[in-house]
């Protein structure tokens, strides 16, 4: 956008105009891919709870639908090439929680513990 040649019609000074347009240009540039360690990275519920039976490393999401050993995926230092589909694993885990943890006995124990505090 060009500046108006009529300075009497301006509502912002040149310095603010330049700063705003620099910001607009900056925001329009394609951003580099987010690094692995960024806090806004999407988390998957089991990523840090599943561990490789070969090396003990975390299982992490691979692609969009699989969990696999992080050491094998990222460094190639583990021989475990087993990948597990995300959805069935997460559904099975929730089913175990429902069956094992959400029982009347556990609810009573939770209520009693909560009442003590």
Protein backbone atom coordinates (compact mmCIF):
# COMPACT_ATOMS: atom_id res chain seq x y z
CA UNK A 1 0.00 0.00 0.00
CA UNK A 2 1.34 3.40 -0.86
CA UNK A 3 1.15 6.44 1.33
CA UNK A 4 -1.18 9.22 0.49
CA UNK A 5 0.56 12.17 -1.12
CA UNK A 6 -1.75 14.49 0.80
CA UNK A 7 -0.32 14.72 4.29
CA UNK A 8 -3.39 16.63 5.50
CA UNK A 9 -5.49 13.45 4.99
CA UNK A 10 -3.24 11.16 7.04
CA UNK A 11 -4.48 9.86 10.37
CA UNK A 12 -1.22 8.15 11.40
CA UNK A 13 2.35 9.33 11.16
CA UNK A 14 4.96 7.78 8.83
CA UNK A 15 6.68 5.87 11.63
CA UNK A 16 3.48 4.08 12.70
CA UNK A 17 2.50 3.47 9.07
CA UNK A 18 5.87 1.80 8.39
CA UNK A 19 5.73 -0.27 11.57
CA UNK A 20 2.23 -1.56 10.81
CA UNK A 21 3.08 -2.48 7.25
CA UNK A 22 6.27 -4.21 8.37
CA UNK A 23 4.18 -6.28 10.78
CA UNK A 24 1.66 -7.12 8.04
CA UNK A 25 4.47 -8.22 5.74
CA UNK A 26 6.06 -10.29 8.51
CA UNK A 27 2.79 -12.13 9.21
CA UNK A 28 2.26 -12.93 5.54
CA UNK A 29 5.61 -14.68 5.15
CA UNK A 30 5.42 -18.46 5.36
CA UNK A 31 6.65 -19.56 8.76
CA UNK A 32 9.26 -22.26 9.20
CA UNK A 33 8.00 -25.60 10.50
CA UNK A 34 7.59 -25.74 14.25
CA UNK A 35 10.45 -27.41 16.04
CA UNK A 36 9.88 -30.66 17.90
CA UNK A 37 10.16 -29.09 21.31
CA UNK A 38 7.54 -26.37 20.92
CA UNK A 39 4.94 -26.29 23.70
CA UNK A 40 1.99 -25.80 21.34
CA UNK A 41 2.61 -29.15 19.67
CA UNK A 42 -0.43 -31.39 19.67
CA UNK A 43 -0.27 -34.04 22.39
CA UNK A 44 -1.61 -37.52 22.07
CA UNK A 45 -3.00 -39.05 25.24
CA UNK A 46 -0.69 -42.07 25.41
CA UNK A 47 2.54 -40.61 23.98
CA UNK A 48 4.42 -40.52 27.27
CA UNK A 49 2.70 -43.50 28.88
CA UNK A 50 3.65 -46.27 26.44
CA UNK A 51 7.23 -47.52 26.57
CA UNK A 52 9.19 -49.66 24.14
CA UNK A 53 9.74 -53.21 25.41
CA UNK A 54 13.15 -53.31 23.70
CA UNK A 55 14.86 -50.04 24.72
CA UNK A 56 12.45 -48.44 27.23
CA UNK A 57 12.01 -45.26 25.17
CA UNK A 58 8.59 -43.62 24.93
CA UNK A 59 6.25 -44.61 22.15
CA UNK A 60 5.34 -41.50 20.22
CA UNK A 61 2.89 -40.69 17.46
CA UNK A 62 4.17 -41.52 13.99
CA UNK A 63 2.34 -40.13 10.99
CA UNK A 64 -1.29 -39.55 11.87
CA UNK A 65 -2.46 -42.96 13.01
CA UNK A 66 0.34 -44.93 14.66
CA UNK A 67 2.38 -45.06 17.83
CA UNK A 68 5.95 -46.33 17.57
CA UNK A 69 9.24 -46.30 19.44
CA UNK A 70 10.72 -42.79 19.49
CA UNK A 71 14.31 -44.07 19.47
CA UNK A 72 13.61 -46.19 16.40
CA UNK A 73 11.67 -43.42 14.64
CA UNK A 74 13.89 -40.42 15.40
CA UNK A 75 17.37 -41.87 15.89
CA UNK A 76 17.27 -45.37 14.45
CA UNK A 77 18.98 -46.68 17.61
CA UNK A 78 16.31 -49.26 18.50
CA UNK A 79 15.50 -52.38 16.52
CA UNK A 80 11.81 -52.36 17.48
CA UNK A 81 9.84 -51.63 14.29
CA UNK A 82 6.42 -52.48 15.75
CA UNK A 83 3.85 -49.76 15.12
CA UNK A 84 0.47 -49.74 16.85
CA UNK A 85 -2.63 -48.11 15.40
CA UNK A 86 -3.59 -45.12 17.52
CA UNK A 87 -7.39 -45.36 17.57
CA UNK A 88 -7.82 -49.00 18.67
CA UNK A 89 -5.12 -48.57 21.32
CA UNK A 90 -6.71 -45.44 22.75
CA UNK A 91 -10.20 -47.02 22.72
CA UNK A 92 -8.90 -50.14 24.46
CA UNK A 93 -7.16 -48.01 27.09
CA UNK A 94 -10.32 -46.03 27.81
CA UNK A 95 -12.28 -49.29 28.05
CA UNK A 96 -9.82 -50.60 30.65
CA UNK A 97 -10.17 -47.35 32.61
CA UNK A 98 -13.95 -47.59 32.52
CA UNK A 99 -13.97 -51.20 33.60
CA UNK A 100 -11.19 -51.07 36.19
CA UNK A 101 -11.16 -47.55 37.55
CA UNK A 102 -14.71 -46.31 37.30
CA UNK A 103 -16.19 -48.89 39.61
CA UNK A 104 -18.43 -48.17 42.61
CA UNK A 105 -15.58 -49.22 44.93
CA UNK A 106 -13.19 -46.74 43.38
CA UNK A 107 -15.82 -44.00 43.40
CA UNK A 108 -16.41 -44.62 47.12
CA UNK A 109 -12.67 -44.59 47.84
CA UNK A 110 -12.28 -41.35 45.90
CA UNK A 111 -15.22 -39.73 47.70
CA UNK A 112 -13.83 -40.75 51.09
CA UNK A 113 -10.35 -39.46 50.26
CA UNK A 114 -11.76 -36.22 48.87
CA UNK A 115 -13.94 -35.70 51.96
CA UNK A 116 -10.86 -36.00 54.20
CA UNK A 117 -9.12 -33.03 52.56
